[in-house]
Amino acid sequence: MVSGLAITPNQRPHALRPQLAPILKRLKSGPERVVVSVRQDERWNMHVGSTPLQPGVEDGASAVAEFLKQYSEGGIDLSGIYGRLDNESLAEIPEVHKVLAARGLLN
């Protein structure tokens, strides 16, 4: 099973991207092995940390290699974690319905 973690372009202080980017940059520049933890609190703030991976602990390299293989072959759709609604279903959402009605887009 493949699970995803949406990383938006949001750059606010407690968003995921500005906290995760320095860790990924550091990992890209050298052979460091770390465990990255991601937690979301009750106020939707993200908390990211990293600790060194202890010697002898599996780092998941085989799972990463399999993921990259499937992704490069088109077997994984990263946008698949987002739900999709057709136009009729969207129009049933009260707030969307109000906007469509205000713009005269409903029949």
PDB file of N, CA and C in Angstrom:
ATOM      1  N   MET A   1       0.839  -1.180   0.000  1.00  0.00           N
ATOM      2  CA  MET A   1       0.000   0.000   0.000  1.00  0.00           C
ATOM      3  C   MET A   1       0.883   1.242   0.000  1.00  0.00           C
ATOM      4  N   VAL A   2       0.530   2.209  -0.809  1.00  0.00           N
ATOM      5  CA  VAL A   2       1.261   3.470  -0.866  1.00  0.00           C
ATOM      6  C   VAL A   2       0.410   4.528  -0.186  1.00  0.00           C
ATOM      7  N   SER A   3       0.996   5.246   0.745  1.00  0.00           N
ATOM      8  CA  SER A   3       0.285   6.355   1.371  1.00  0.00           C
ATOM      9  C   SER A   3       1.034   7.631   1.034  1.00  0.00           C
ATOM     10  N   GLY A   4       0.351   8.741   1.130  1.00  0.00           N
ATOM     11  CA  GLY A   4       0.967   9.993   0.747  1.00  0.00           C
ATOM     12  C   GLY A   4       0.862  11.048   1.817  1.00  0.00           C
ATOM     13  N   LEU A   5       1.702  12.005   1.687  1.00  0.00           N
ATOM     14  CA  LEU A   5       1.709  13.144   2.575  1.00  0.00           C
ATOM     15  C   LEU A   5       1.715  14.380   1.691  1.00  0.00           C
ATOM     16  N   ALA A   6       0.628  15.109   1.712  1.00  0.00           N
ATOM     17  CA  ALA A   6       0.536  16.300   0.875  1.00  0.00           C
ATOM     18  C   ALA A   6       1.441  17.401   1.421  1.00  0.00           C
ATOM     19  N   ILE A   7       2.261  17.944   0.567  1.00  0.00           N
ATOM     20  CA  ILE A   7       3.142  19.047   0.942  1.00  0.00           C
ATOM     21  C   ILE A   7       2.788  20.237   0.078  1.00  0.00           C
ATOM     22  N   THR A   8       2.061  21.171   0.656  1.00  0.00           N
ATOM     23  CA  THR A   8       1.616  22.341  -0.086  1.00  0.00           C
ATOM     24  C   THR A   8       2.750  23.355  -0.221  1.00  0.00           C
ATOM     25  N   PRO A   9       2.610  24.326  -1.109  1.00  0.00           N
ATOM     26  CA  PRO A   9       3.639  25.368  -1.243  1.00  0.00           C
ATOM     27  C   PRO A   9       3.625  26.388  -0.108  1.00  0.00           C
ATOM     28  N   ASN A  10       2.747  26.218   0.860  1.00  0.00           N
ATOM     29  CA  ASN A  10       2.619  27.142   1.979  1.00  0.00           C
ATOM     30  C   ASN A  10       3.961  27.310   2.694  1.00  0.00           C
ATOM     31  N   GLN A  11       4.348  28.552   2.951  1.00  0.00           N
ATOM     32  CA  GLN A  11       5.626  28.851   3.600  1.00  0.00           C
ATOM     33  C   GLN A  11       5.460  29.448   5.002  1.00  0.00           C
ATOM     34  N   ARG A  12       4.259  29.365   5.565  1.00  0.00           N
ATOM     35  CA  ARG A  12       4.066  29.914   6.915  1.00  0.00           C
ATOM     36  C   ARG A  12       4.934  29.141   7.905  1.00  0.00           C
ATOM     37  N   PRO A  13       5.253  29.719   9.055  1.00  0.00           N
ATOM     38  CA  PRO A  13       6.216  29.112   9.975  1.00  0.00           C
ATOM     39  C   PRO A  13       5.921  27.669  10.388  1.00  0.00           C
ATOM     40  N   HIS A  14       4.672  27.301  10.598  1.00  0.00           N
ATOM     41  CA  HIS A  14       4.360  25.946  11.054  1.00  0.00           C
ATOM     42  C   HIS A  14       3.848  25.051   9.934  1.00  0.00           C
ATOM     43  N   ALA A  15       4.059  25.453   8.692  1.00  0.00           N
ATOM     44  CA  ALA A  15       3.689  24.603   7.559  1.00  0.00           C
ATOM     45  C   ALA A  15       4.751  23.523   7.386  1.00  0.00           C
ATOM     46  N   LEU A  16       4.414  22.490   6.632  1.00  0.00           N
ATOM     47  CA  LEU A  16       5.326  21.367   6.464  1.00  0.00           C
ATOM     48  C   LEU A  16       6.536  21.706   5.597  1.00  0.00           C
ATOM     49  N   ARG A  17       6.316  22.365   4.466  1.00  0.00           N
ATOM     50  CA  ARG A  17       7.399  22.615   3.506  1.00  0.00           C
ATOM     51  C   ARG A  17       8.603  23.341   4.117  1.00  0.00           C
ATOM     52  N   PRO A  18       8.431  24.478   4.817  1.00  0.00           N
ATOM     53  CA  PRO A  18       9.624  25.178   5.319  1.00  0.00           C
ATOM     54  C   PRO A  18      10.366  24.412   6.420  1.00  0.00           C
ATOM     55  N   GLN A  19       9.719  23.451   7.051  1.00  0.00           N
ATOM     56  CA  GLN A  19      10.396  22.658   8.078  1.00  0.00           C
ATOM     57  C   GLN A  19      11.083  21.432   7.484  1.00  0.00           C
ATOM     58  N   LEU A  20      10.496  20.869   6.449  1.00  0.00           N
ATOM     59  CA  LEU A  20      11.036  19.662   5.829  1.00  0.00           C
ATOM     60  C   LEU A  20      12.158  19.966   4.835  1.00  0.00           C
ATOM     61  N   ALA A  21      12.074  21.098   4.151  1.00  0.00           N
ATOM     62  CA  ALA A  21      13.054  21.439   3.109  1.00  0.00           C
ATOM     63  C   ALA A  21      14.502  21.445   3.607  1.00  0.00           C
ATOM     64  N   PRO A  22      14.814  22.051   4.762  1.00  0.00           N
ATOM     65  CA  PRO A  22      16.216  22.039   5.205  1.00  0.00           C
ATOM     66  C   PRO A  22      16.740  20.628   5.493  1.00  0.00           C
ATOM     67  N   ILE A  23      15.884  19.758   6.003  1.00  0.00           N
ATOM     68  CA  ILE A  23      16.299  18.383   6.275  1.00  0.00           C
ATOM     69  C   ILE A  23      16.605  17.667   4.966  1.00  0.00           C
ATOM     70  N   LEU A  24      15.711  17.815   3.984  1.00  0.00           N
ATOM     71  CA  LEU A  24      15.923  17.161   2.690  1.00  0.00           C
ATOM     72  C   LEU A  24      17.163  17.702   1.991  1.00  0.00           C
ATOM     73  N   LYS A  25      17.397  19.012   2.115  1.00  0.00           N
ATOM     74  CA  LYS A  25      18.588  19.609   1.507  1.00  0.00           C
ATOM     75  C   LYS A  25      19.856  19.045   2.155  1.00  0.00           C
ATOM     76  N   ARG A  26      19.829  18.932   3.465  1.00  0.00           N
ATOM     77  CA  ARG A  26      20.977  18.386   4.188  1.00  0.00           C
ATOM     78  C   ARG A  26      21.237  16.933   3.781  1.00  0.00           C
ATOM     79  N   LEU A  27      20.181  16.146   3.640  1.00  0.00           N
ATOM     80  CA  LEU A  27      20.324  14.742   3.254  1.00  0.00           C
ATOM     81  C   LEU A  27      20.834  14.591   1.830  1.00  0.00           C
ATOM     82  N   LYS A  28      20.447  15.516   0.970  1.00  0.00           N
ATOM     83  CA  LYS A  28      20.882  15.465  -0.431  1.00  0.00           C
ATOM     84  C   LYS A  28      22.386  15.711  -0.550  1.00  0.00           C
ATOM     85  N   SER A  29      22.942  16.473   0.373  1.00  0.00           N
ATOM     86  CA  SER A  29      24.357  16.857   0.271  1.00  0.00           C
ATOM     87  C   SER A  29      25.325  15.832   0.859  1.00  0.00           C
ATOM     88  N   GLY A  30      24.809  14.781   1.495  1.00  0.00           N
ATOM     89  CA  GLY A  30      25.741  13.833   2.089  1.00  0.00           C
ATOM     90  C   GLY A  30      25.109  12.504   2.433  1.00  0.00           C
ATOM     91  N   PRO A  31      25.907  11.593   2.940  1.00  0.00           N
ATOM     92  CA  PRO A  31      25.434  10.241   3.211  1.00  0.00           C
ATOM     93  C   PRO A  31      24.771  10.062   4.583  1.00  0.00           C
ATOM     94  N   GLU A  32      24.281  11.119   5.160  1.00  0.00           N
ATOM     95  CA  GLU A  32      23.654  11.054   6.480  1.00  0.00           C
ATOM     96  C   GLU A  32      22.384  10.191   6.421  1.00  0.00           C
ATOM     97  N   ARG A  33      22.152   9.413   7.478  1.00  0.00           N
ATOM     98  CA  ARG A  33      20.948   8.584   7.575  1.00  0.00           C
ATOM     99  C   ARG A  33      20.157   9.055   8.796  1.00  0.00           C
ATOM    100  N   VAL A  34      18.906   9.450   8.579  1.00  0.00           N
ATOM    101  CA  VAL A  34      18.083   9.967   9.673  1.00  0.00           C
ATOM    102  C   VAL A  34      16.676   9.388   9.630  1.00  0.00           C
ATOM    103  N   VAL A  35      16.015   9.492  10.765  1.00  0.00           N
ATOM    104  CA  VAL A  35      14.588   9.218  10.864  1.00  0.00           C
ATOM    105  C   VAL A  35      13.915  10.580  10.936  1.00  0.00           C
ATOM    106  N   VAL A  36      12.966  10.826  10.046  1.00  0.00           N
ATOM    107  CA  VAL A  36      12.240  12.095  10.038  1.00  0.00           C
ATOM    108  C   VAL A  36      10.865  11.847  10.638  1.00  0.00           C
ATOM    109  N   SER A  37      10.500  12.658  11.609  1.00  0.00           N
ATOM    110  CA  SER A  37       9.176  12.547  12.227  1.00  0.00           C
ATOM    111  C   SER A  37       8.345  13.765  11.843  1.00  0.00           C
ATOM    112  N   VAL A  38       7.076  13.512  11.559  1.00  0.00           N
ATOM    113  CA  VAL A  38       6.142  14.582  11.197  1.00  0.00           C
ATOM    114  C   VAL A  38       4.902  14.396  12.063  1.00  0.00           C
ATOM    115  N   ARG A  39       4.491  15.477  12.712  1.00  0.00           N
ATOM    116  CA  ARG A  39       3.313  15.443  13.587  1.00  0.00           C
ATOM    117  C   ARG A  39       2.480  16.694  13.336  1.00  0.00           C
ATOM    118  N   GLN A  40       1.174  16.525  13.373  1.00  0.00           N
ATOM    119  CA  GLN A  40       0.274  17.670  13.237  1.00  0.00           C
ATOM    120  C   GLN A  40      -0.473  17.838  14.551  1.00  0.00           C
ATOM    121  N   ASP A  41      -0.469  19.052  15.101  1.00  0.00           N
ATOM    122  CA  ASP A  41      -1.150  19.261  16.378  1.00  0.00           C
ATOM    123  C   ASP A  41      -2.610  19.644  16.158  1.00  0.00           C
ATOM    124  N   GLU A  42      -3.311  19.877  17.244  1.00  0.00           N
ATOM    125  CA  GLU A  42      -4.749  20.177  17.183  1.00  0.00           C
ATOM    126  C   GLU A  42      -5.061  21.505  16.503  1.00  0.00           C
ATOM    127  N   ARG A  43      -4.065  22.366  16.365  1.00  0.00           N
ATOM    128  CA  ARG A  43      -4.260  23.648  15.674  1.00  0.00           C
ATOM    129  C   ARG A  43      -3.792  23.569  14.226  1.00  0.00           C
ATOM    130  N   TRP A  44      -3.533  22.377  13.727  1.00  0.00           N
ATOM    131  CA  TRP A  44      -3.104  22.100  12.352  1.00  0.00           C
ATOM    132  C   TRP A  44      -1.683  22.576  12.069  1.00  0.00           C
ATOM    133  N   ASN A  45      -0.923  22.874  13.117  1.00  0.00           N
ATOM    134  CA  ASN A  45       0.483  23.221  12.932  1.00  0.00           C
ATOM    135  C   ASN A  45       1.278  21.933  12.768  1.00  0.00           C
ATOM    136  N   MET A  46       2.217  21.943  11.856  1.00  0.00           N
ATOM    137  CA  MET A  46       3.065  20.788  11.616  1.00  0.00           C
ATOM    138  C   MET A  46       4.335  20.907  12.461  1.00  0.00           C
ATOM    139  N   HIS A  47       4.820  19.777  12.948  1.00  0.00           N
ATOM    140  CA  HIS A  47       6.054  19.727  13.734  1.00  0.00           C
ATOM    141  C   HIS A  47       6.939  18.647  13.118  1.00  0.00           C
ATOM    142  N   VAL A  48       8.121  19.036  12.676  1.00  0.00           N
ATOM    143  CA  VAL A  48       9.038  18.126  11.986  1.00  0.00           C
ATOM    144  C   VAL A  48      10.335  18.040  12.767  1.00  0.00           C
ATOM    145  N   GLY A  49      10.840  16.838  12.895  1.00  0.00           N
ATOM    146  CA  GLY A  49      12.111  16.638  13.574  1.00  0.00           C
ATOM    147  C   GLY A  49      12.893  15.534  12.882  1.00  0.00           C
ATOM    148  N   SER A  50      14.156  15.444  13.203  1.00  0.00           N
ATOM    149  CA  SER A  50      14.969  14.355  12.665  1.00  0.00           C
ATOM    150  C   SER A  50      15.973  13.913  13.712  1.00  0.00           C
ATOM    151  N   THR A  51      16.249  12.622  13.726  1.00  0.00           N
ATOM    152  CA  THR A  51      17.254  12.042  14.609  1.00  0.00           C
ATOM    153  C   THR A  51      18.095  11.067  13.792  1.00  0.00           C
ATOM    154  N   PRO A  52      19.348  10.890  14.148  1.00  0.00           N
ATOM    155  CA  PRO A  52      20.197   9.952  13.399  1.00  0.00           C
ATOM    156  C   PRO A  52      19.631   8.528  13.450  1.00  0.00           C
ATOM    157  N   LEU A  53      19.703   7.843  12.338  1.00  0.00           N
ATOM    158  CA  LEU A  53      19.294   6.448  12.282  1.00  0.00           C
ATOM    159  C   LEU A  53      20.391   5.608  12.928  1.00  0.00           C
ATOM    160  N   GLN A  54      20.026   4.792  13.880  1.00  0.00           N
ATOM    161  CA  GLN A  54      20.997   3.993  14.626  1.00  0.00           C
ATOM    162  C   GLN A  54      21.593   2.903  13.739  1.00  0.00           C
ATOM    163  N   PRO A  55      22.858   2.567  13.938  1.00  0.00           N
ATOM    164  CA  PRO A  55      23.499   1.512  13.150  1.00  0.00           C
ATOM    165  C   PRO A  55      22.714   0.201  13.234  1.00  0.00           C
ATOM    166  N   GLY A  56      22.601  -0.470  12.097  1.00  0.00           N
ATOM    167  CA  GLY A  56      21.915  -1.755  12.056  1.00  0.00           C
ATOM    168  C   GLY A  56      20.412  -1.666  11.883  1.00  0.00           C
ATOM    169  N   VAL A  57      19.861  -0.466  11.905  1.00  0.00           N
ATOM    170  CA  VAL A  57      18.418  -0.299  11.750  1.00  0.00           C
ATOM    171  C   VAL A  57      18.102  -0.173  10.258  1.00  0.00           C
ATOM    172  N   GLU A  58      17.091  -0.908   9.803  1.00  0.00           N
ATOM    173  CA  GLU A  58      16.667  -0.875   8.401  1.00  0.00           C
ATOM    174  C   GLU A  58      16.245   0.543   8.040  1.00  0.00           C
ATOM    175  N   ASP A  59      16.748   1.029   6.908  1.00  0.00           N
ATOM    176  CA  ASP A  59      16.444   2.404   6.502  1.00  0.00           C
ATOM    177  C   ASP A  59      15.346   2.505   5.447  1.00  0.00           C
ATOM    178  N   GLY A  60      14.804   1.372   5.033  1.00  0.00           N
ATOM    179  CA  GLY A  60      13.714   1.409   4.059  1.00  0.00           C
ATOM    180  C   GLY A  60      14.155   1.600   2.624  1.00  0.00           C
ATOM    181  N   ALA A  61      15.456   1.451   2.348  1.00  0.00           N
ATOM    182  CA  ALA A  61      15.975   1.689   0.991  1.00  0.00           C
ATOM    183  C   ALA A  61      15.284   0.821  -0.053  1.00  0.00           C
ATOM    184  N   SER A  62      14.964  -0.421   0.285  1.00  0.00           N
ATOM    185  CA  SER A  62      14.309  -1.295  -0.690  1.00  0.00           C
ATOM    186  C   SER A  62      12.891  -0.809  -0.997  1.00  0.00           C
ATOM    187  N   ALA A  63      12.185  -0.316   0.017  1.00  0.00           N
ATOM    188  CA  ALA A  63      10.837   0.215  -0.196  1.00  0.00           C
ATOM    189  C   ALA A  63      10.887   1.487  -1.033  1.00  0.00           C
ATOM    190  N   VAL A  64      11.881   2.332  -0.786  1.00  0.00           N
ATOM    191  CA  VAL A  64      12.050   3.563  -1.562  1.00  0.00           C
ATOM    192  C   VAL A  64      12.366   3.221  -3.014  1.00  0.00           C
ATOM    193  N   ALA A  65      13.245   2.254  -3.225  1.00  0.00           N
ATOM    194  CA  ALA A  65      13.610   1.841  -4.588  1.00  0.00           C
ATOM    195  C   ALA A  65      12.388   1.307  -5.333  1.00  0.00           C
ATOM    196  N   GLU A  66      11.565   0.514  -4.650  1.00  0.00           N
ATOM    197  CA  GLU A  66      10.345  -0.019  -5.285  1.00  0.00           C
ATOM    198  C   GLU A  66       9.369   1.100  -5.613  1.00  0.00           C
ATOM    199  N   PHE A  67       9.218   2.050  -4.690  1.00  0.00           N
ATOM    200  CA  PHE A  67       8.347   3.202  -4.938  1.00  0.00           C
ATOM    201  C   PHE A  67       8.824   3.973  -6.169  1.00  0.00           C
ATOM    202  N   LEU A  68      10.118   4.285  -6.221  1.00  0.00           N
ATOM    203  CA  LEU A  68      10.655   5.054  -7.348  1.00  0.00           C
ATOM    204  C   LEU A  68      10.479   4.307  -8.664  1.00  0.00           C
ATOM    205  N   LYS A  69      10.637   3.001  -8.631  1.00  0.00           N
ATOM    206  CA  LYS A  69      10.440   2.181  -9.833  1.00  0.00           C
ATOM    207  C   LYS A  69       8.987   2.283 -10.302  1.00  0.00           C
ATOM    208  N   GLN A  70       8.049   2.059  -9.382  1.00  0.00           N
ATOM    209  CA  GLN A  70       6.624   2.135  -9.733  1.00  0.00           C
ATOM    210  C   GLN A  70       6.250   3.538 -10.203  1.00  0.00           C
ATOM    211  N   TYR A  71       6.788   4.556  -9.537  1.00  0.00           N
ATOM    212  CA  TYR A  71       6.480   5.940  -9.911  1.00  0.00           C
ATOM    213  C   TYR A  71       6.999   6.243 -11.319  1.00  0.00           C
ATOM    214  N   SER A  72       8.230   5.842 -11.607  1.00  0.00           N
ATOM    215  CA  SER A  72       8.808   6.125 -12.925  1.00  0.00           C
ATOM    216  C   SER A  72       8.090   5.377 -14.038  1.00  0.00           C
ATOM    217  N   GLU A  73       7.460   4.248 -13.708  1.00  0.00           N
ATOM    218  CA  GLU A  73       6.703   3.474 -14.693  1.00  0.00           C
ATOM    219  C   GLU A  73       5.251   3.929 -14.801  1.00  0.00           C
ATOM    220  N   GLY A  74       4.886   4.971 -14.042  1.00  0.00           N
ATOM    221  CA  GLY A  74       3.521   5.504 -14.103  1.00  0.00           C
ATOM    222  C   GLY A  74       2.522   4.749 -13.254  1.00  0.00           C
ATOM    223  N   GLY A  75       2.997   3.875 -12.379  1.00  0.00           N
ATOM    224  CA  GLY A  75       2.101   3.086 -11.545  1.00  0.00           C
ATOM    225  C   GLY A  75       1.615   3.798 -10.303  1.00  0.00           C
ATOM    226  N   ILE A  76       2.160   4.960 -10.015  1.00  0.00           N
ATOM    227  CA  ILE A  76       1.764   5.721  -8.827  1.00  0.00           C
ATOM    228  C   ILE A  76       1.398   7.133  -9.250  1.00  0.00           C
ATOM    229  N   ASP A  77       0.205   7.558  -8.836  1.00  0.00           N
ATOM    230  CA  ASP A  77      -0.275   8.904  -9.121  1.00  0.00           C
ATOM    231  C   ASP A  77      -0.233   9.701  -7.819  1.00  0.00           C
ATOM    232  N   LEU A  78       0.732  10.615  -7.705  1.00  0.00           N
ATOM    233  CA  LEU A  78       0.880  11.367  -6.456  1.00  0.00           C
ATOM    234  C   LEU A  78      -0.321  12.255  -6.149  1.00  0.00           C
ATOM    235  N   SER A  79      -1.075  12.632  -7.162  1.00  0.00           N
ATOM    236  CA  SER A  79      -2.269  13.448  -6.910  1.00  0.00           C
ATOM    237  C   SER A  79      -3.441  12.587  -6.460  1.00  0.00           C
ATOM    238  N   GLY A  80      -3.266  11.267  -6.440  1.00  0.00           N
ATOM    239  CA  GLY A  80      -4.332  10.355  -6.060  1.00  0.00           C
ATOM    240  C   GLY A  80      -4.771  10.483  -4.615  1.00  0.00           C
ATOM    241  N   ILE A  81      -3.994  11.149  -3.775  1.00  0.00           N
ATOM    242  CA  ILE A  81      -4.402  11.302  -2.372  1.00  0.00           C
ATOM    243  C   ILE A  81      -5.498  12.358  -2.217  1.00  0.00           C
ATOM    244  N   TYR A  82      -5.717  13.135  -3.269  1.00  0.00           N
ATOM    245  CA  TYR A  82      -6.758  14.162  -3.225  1.00  0.00           C
ATOM    246  C   TYR A  82      -8.042  13.608  -3.802  1.00  0.00           C
ATOM    247  N   GLY A  83      -9.142  13.812  -3.095  1.00  0.00           N
ATOM    248  CA  GLY A  83     -10.445  13.394  -3.603  1.00  0.00           C
ATOM    249  C   GLY A  83     -10.844  14.214  -4.819  1.00  0.00           C
ATOM    250  N   ARG A  84     -11.598  13.590  -5.679  1.00  0.00           N
ATOM    251  CA  ARG A  84     -12.066  14.279  -6.884  1.00  0.00           C
ATOM    252  C   ARG A  84     -13.580  14.217  -6.941  1.00  0.00           C
ATOM    253  N   LEU A  85     -14.182  15.337  -7.262  1.00  0.00           N
ATOM    254  CA  LEU A  85     -15.631  15.400  -7.399  1.00  0.00           C
ATOM    255  C   LEU A  85     -15.963  15.913  -8.787  1.00  0.00           C
ATOM    256  N   ASP A  86     -17.038  15.366  -9.368  1.00  0.00           N
ATOM    257  CA  ASP A  86     -17.487  15.896 -10.648  1.00  0.00           C
ATOM    258  C   ASP A  86     -18.230  17.214 -10.396  1.00  0.00           C
ATOM    259  N   ASN A  87     -18.516  17.950 -11.455  1.00  0.00           N
ATOM    260  CA  ASN A  87     -19.132  19.280 -11.314  1.00  0.00           C
ATOM    261  C   ASN A  87     -20.473  19.229 -10.597  1.00  0.00           C
ATOM    262  N   GLU A  88     -21.268  18.198 -10.873  1.00  0.00           N
ATOM    263  CA  GLU A  88     -22.586  18.085 -10.234  1.00  0.00           C
ATOM    264  C   GLU A  88     -22.441  17.904  -8.717  1.00  0.00           C
ATOM    265  N   SER A  89     -21.483  17.074  -8.313  1.00  0.00           N
ATOM    266  CA  SER A  89     -21.254  16.860  -6.883  1.00  0.00           C
ATOM    267  C   SER A  89     -20.724  18.120  -6.215  1.00  0.00           C
ATOM    268  N   LEU A  90     -19.846  18.841  -6.904  1.00  0.00           N
ATOM    269  CA  LEU A  90     -19.339  20.100  -6.355  1.00  0.00           C
ATOM    270  C   LEU A  90     -20.475  21.100  -6.154  1.00  0.00           C
ATOM    271  N   ALA A  91     -21.389  21.154  -7.114  1.00  0.00           N
ATOM    272  CA  ALA A  91     -22.505  22.101  -7.041  1.00  0.00           C
ATOM    273  C   ALA A  91     -23.435  21.800  -5.877  1.00  0.00           C
ATOM    274  N   GLU A  92     -23.392  20.579  -5.333  1.00  0.00           N
ATOM    275  CA  GLU A  92     -24.230  20.213  -4.188  1.00  0.00           C
ATOM    276  C   GLU A  92     -23.655  20.710  -2.860  1.00  0.00           C
ATOM    277  N   ILE A  93     -22.413  21.134  -2.853  1.00  0.00           N
ATOM    278  CA  ILE A  93     -21.806  21.672  -1.631  1.00  0.00           C
ATOM    279  C   ILE A  93     -22.381  23.068  -1.417  1.00  0.00           C
ATOM    280  N   PRO A  94     -22.998  23.306  -0.260  1.00  0.00           N
ATOM    281  CA  PRO A  94     -23.713  24.574  -0.050  1.00  0.00           C
ATOM    282  C   PRO A  94     -22.933  25.835  -0.414  1.00  0.00           C
ATOM    283  N   GLU A  95     -21.683  25.938   0.018  1.00  0.00           N
ATOM    284  CA  GLU A  95     -20.910  27.153  -0.266  1.00  0.00           C
ATOM    285  C   GLU A  95     -20.608  27.296  -1.758  1.00  0.00           C
ATOM    286  N   VAL A  96     -20.320  26.192  -2.423  1.00  0.00           N
ATOM    287  CA  VAL A  96     -20.075  26.231  -3.864  1.00  0.00           C
ATOM    288  C   VAL A  96     -21.370  26.587  -4.584  1.00  0.00           C
ATOM    289  N   HIS A  97     -22.472  25.999  -4.140  1.00  0.00           N
ATOM    290  CA  HIS A  97     -23.780  26.278  -4.739  1.00  0.00           C
ATOM    291  C   HIS A  97     -24.106  27.776  -4.667  1.00  0.00           C
ATOM    292  N   LYS A  98     -23.814  28.402  -3.521  1.00  0.00           N
ATOM    293  CA  LYS A  98     -24.072  29.840  -3.359  1.00  0.00           C
ATOM    294  C   LYS A  98     -23.274  30.657  -4.369  1.00  0.00           C
ATOM    295  N   VAL A  99     -22.003  30.317  -4.545  1.00  0.00           N
ATOM    296  CA  VAL A  99     -21.150  31.059  -5.480  1.00  0.00           C
ATOM    297  C   VAL A  99     -21.657  30.875  -6.911  1.00  0.00           C
ATOM    298  N   LEU A 100     -21.990  29.653  -7.276  1.00  0.00           N
ATOM    299  CA  LEU A 100     -22.500  29.396  -8.627  1.00  0.00           C
ATOM    300  C   LEU A 100     -23.799  30.148  -8.869  1.00  0.00           C
ATOM    301  N   ALA A 101     -24.681  30.139  -7.872  1.00  0.00           N
ATOM    302  CA  ALA A 101     -25.954  30.851  -8.009  1.00  0.00           C
ATOM    303  C   ALA A 101     -25.727  32.355  -8.130  1.00  0.00           C
ATOM    304  N   ALA A 102     -24.815  32.902  -7.337  1.00  0.00           N
ATOM    305  CA  ALA A 102     -24.533  34.325  -7.373  1.00  0.00           C
ATOM    306  C   ALA A 102     -23.965  34.749  -8.734  1.00  0.00           C
ATOM    307  N   ARG A 103     -23.265  33.851  -9.374  1.00  0.00           N
ATOM    308  CA  ARG A 103     -22.686  34.146 -10.676  1.00  0.00           C
ATOM    309  C   ARG A 103     -23.603  33.769 -11.844  1.00  0.00           C
ATOM    310  N   GLY A 104     -24.773  33.260 -11.506  1.00  0.00           N
ATOM    311  CA  GLY A 104     -25.734  32.888 -12.542  1.00  0.00           C
ATOM    312  C   GLY A 104     -25.302  31.671 -13.349  1.00  0.00           C
ATOM    313  N   LEU A 105     -24.590  30.756 -12.721  1.00  0.00           N
ATOM    314  CA  LEU A 105     -24.078  29.595 -13.432  1.00  0.00           C
ATOM    315  C   LEU A 105     -24.906  28.331 -13.216  1.00  0.00           C
ATOM    316  N   LEU A 106     -26.004  28.438 -12.510  1.00  0.00           N
ATOM    317  CA  LEU A 106     -26.877  27.274 -12.306  1.00  0.00           C
ATOM    318  C   LEU A 106     -28.048  27.347 -13.277  1.00  0.00           C
ATOM    319  N   ASN A 107     -28.481  26.203 -13.736  1.00  0.00           N
ATOM    320  CA  ASN A 107     -29.651  26.157 -14.655  1.00  0.00           C
ATOM    321  C   ASN A 107     -30.934  26.085 -13.895  1.00  0.00           C
TER     322      ASN A 107
END
